[in-house]
């Protein structure tokens, strides 16, 4: 059983990895992190175990924990697998979502619009994750939800990186709007296609960012 203190430490550590403040392959020292978060080492240790279960952190015997390295090539493969699974959940959500769930999804989308207008790309990216989670929940497909959770845990760094590609954020918002409109319109085919379209563009943005980094090196 977890606790609010562990949940908070987990989210804060996840955010530090998400934004790159804790870098890939960086050693995660419990004492240092406990001081940084102003919590006990036991809380940090439990949070790191959860991050390990998510595939974000790797634990090595006698060497401790490190931020897991996910290559760009692996990230593309994960996105391709997600595209299949999340297209299914978008389709199911269009058929199964309640009126209350659709309202909640639209509320998240409105929040994303606000964050983008404010120039808060991290907040936008967090809203992006919340929107996908809401769609997955509305689909009521437990197997897909479990598989997606395992994949998404490894993508936190890349989700933020792709939104930094010039021009990507407004396109992302338009893609999410199309997904939500299709679900609200009870159109399973359109919802599935919109989700596939969106994730294919995320994959392309990741590839563009990778190529731009090669050009800088």
Foldseek 3Di string as FASTA:
>chain_A
DDDPLLVVLLVVVLVCDLACVADAFRADDLVVSCVVVVHDSVSVVVSLVVLVVLVQWDQDPPRGIGGHDDDLVNLLVLLVVLLVLLLLLLLLLLQQADPVLLVVLVVLLVQLVVCVVVVNLVSNLVSVVVNSVSSNVSSPDVVSVVVNSSSVSHCSNLSSVLCPQPPVSVVLSVLSVQLSVCSVVSNSVSNSVSSSVNSVVSSVSSVVSVVVVVVVD
